C-alpha atoms as a PDB file:
ATOM      1  CA  MET A   1     -17.334 -37.405 -11.621  1.00  0.00           C
ATOM      2  CA  PRO A   2     -18.460 -35.213  -8.694  1.00  0.00           C
ATOM      3  CA  HIS A   3     -20.049 -31.858  -9.304  1.00  0.00           C
ATOM      4  CA  LEU A   4     -18.104 -29.057  -7.721  1.00  0.00           C
ATOM      5  CA  ARG A   5     -20.227 -26.261  -6.318  1.00  0.00           C
ATOM      6  CA  PRO A   6     -19.167 -23.098  -4.546  1.00  0.00           C
ATOM      7  CA  PRO A   7     -19.987 -23.059  -0.832  1.00  0.00           C
ATOM      8  CA  ALA A   8     -23.255 -21.497   0.251  1.00  0.00           C
ATOM      9  CA  PHE A   9     -22.740 -18.446   2.449  1.00  0.00           C
ATOM     10  CA  SER A  10     -25.485 -16.970   4.578  1.00  0.00           C
ATOM     11  CA  PRO A  11     -26.670 -13.449   3.765  1.00  0.00           C
ATOM     12  CA  GLY A  12     -25.402 -12.248   7.155  1.00  0.00           C
ATOM     13  CA  PHE A  13     -21.873 -13.451   6.457  1.00  0.00           C
ATOM     14  CA  THR A  14     -21.898 -11.902   3.003  1.00  0.00           C
ATOM     15  CA  ALA A  15     -23.103  -8.589   4.419  1.00  0.00           C
ATOM     16  CA  PHE A  16     -20.353  -8.739   7.081  1.00  0.00           C
ATOM     17  CA  VAL A  17     -17.699  -9.241   4.409  1.00  0.00           C
ATOM     18  CA  TRP A  18     -19.034  -6.304   2.356  1.00  0.00           C
ATOM     19  CA  GLY A  19     -19.045  -4.051   5.418  1.00  0.00           C
ATOM     20  CA  LEU A  20     -15.567  -5.133   6.483  1.00  0.00           C
ATOM     21  CA  VAL A  21     -14.005  -4.693   3.039  1.00  0.00           C
ATOM     22  CA  PHE A  22     -15.591  -1.340   2.286  1.00  0.00           C
ATOM     23  CA  GLY A  23     -14.959  -0.056   5.812  1.00  0.00           C
ATOM     24  CA  ALA A  24     -11.259  -0.927   5.447  1.00  0.00           C
ATOM     25  CA  PHE A  25     -11.238   0.662   1.995  1.00  0.00           C
ATOM     26  CA  ILE A  26     -12.637   3.887   3.438  1.00  0.00           C
ATOM     27  CA  VAL A  27     -10.078   3.890   6.255  1.00  0.00           C
ATOM     28  CA  LEU A  28      -7.207   3.399   3.815  1.00  0.00           C
ATOM     29  CA  GLY A  29      -8.576   6.049   1.486  1.00  0.00           C
ATOM     30  CA  LEU A  30      -8.905   8.583   4.286  1.00  0.00           C
ATOM     31  CA  LEU A  31      -5.388   7.847   5.505  1.00  0.00           C
ATOM     32  CA  ALA A  32      -4.093   8.270   1.958  1.00  0.00           C
ATOM     33  CA  ILE A  33      -5.485  11.798   1.734  1.00  0.00           C
ATOM     34  CA  GLY A  34      -4.049  12.850   5.072  1.00  0.00           C
ATOM     35  CA  ILE A  35      -6.882  12.449   7.564  1.00  0.00           C
ATOM     36  CA  SER A  36      -5.700  11.539  11.073  1.00  0.00           C
ATOM     37  CA  ARG A  37      -5.803   7.869  12.020  1.00  0.00           C
ATOM     38  CA  PRO A  38      -8.475   8.100  14.793  1.00  0.00           C
ATOM     39  CA  THR A  39     -10.821  10.072  12.536  1.00  0.00           C
ATOM     40  CA  ALA A  40     -10.285   7.685   9.628  1.00  0.00           C
ATOM     41  CA  VAL A  41     -10.949   4.640  11.803  1.00  0.00           C
ATOM     42  CA  LEU A  42     -14.083   6.223  13.259  1.00  0.00           C
ATOM     43  CA  PHE A  43     -15.484   7.004   9.820  1.00  0.00           C
ATOM     44  CA  GLY A  44     -14.512   3.553   8.547  1.00  0.00           C
ATOM     45  CA  VAL A  45     -16.213   1.755  11.433  1.00  0.00           C
ATOM     46  CA  VAL A  46     -19.393   3.820  11.129  1.00  0.00           C
ATOM     47  CA  ALA A  47     -19.463   3.328   7.350  1.00  0.00           C
ATOM     48  CA  GLY A  48     -18.773  -0.398   7.755  1.00  0.00           C
ATOM     49  CA  PHE A  49     -21.747  -0.793  10.102  1.00  0.00           C
ATOM     50  CA  GLY A  50     -23.933   1.194   7.744  1.00  0.00           C
ATOM     51  CA  ILE A  51     -22.868  -0.872   4.758  1.00  0.00           C
ATOM     52  CA  PHE A  52     -23.420  -4.089   6.724  1.00  0.00           C
ATOM     53  CA  PHE A  53     -26.991  -3.151   7.618  1.00  0.00           C
ATOM     54  CA  PHE A  54     -27.765  -1.853   4.118  1.00  0.00           C
ATOM     55  CA  VAL A  55     -26.509  -5.029   2.424  1.00  0.00           C
ATOM     56  CA  ARG A  56     -28.155  -7.253   5.066  1.00  0.00           C
ATOM     57  CA  LEU A  57     -31.556  -5.616   4.648  1.00  0.00           C
ATOM     58  CA  THR A  58     -31.609  -5.037   0.886  1.00  0.00           C
ATOM     59  CA  GLY A  59     -28.963  -7.310  -0.598  1.00  0.00           C
ATOM     60  CA  ALA A  60     -30.699 -10.694  -0.585  1.00  0.00           C
ATOM     61  CA  ASP A  61     -32.472 -11.878  -3.696  1.00  0.00           C
ATOM     62  CA  GLN A  62     -36.144 -12.594  -3.313  1.00  0.00           C
ATOM     63  CA  LEU A  63     -37.070 -16.233  -3.723  1.00  0.00           C
ATOM     64  CA  ARG A  64     -39.302 -17.031  -6.669  1.00  0.00           C
ATOM     65  CA  ARG A  65     -42.484 -18.977  -6.040  1.00  0.00           C
END
């Protein structure tokens, strides 16, 4: 019987997904409260990049020796 394991994703890909999801969440939240579309997209893109770099730099677990 084969052992099923989840796929291994690189830390960069995981950080990209976090940034993309939270950036889109921010855009949708800003649109929901009445902020104009260009302003919401700008804030979402900037926040997405910030989240990507934060998760990329601090999100990986340290390997134990």
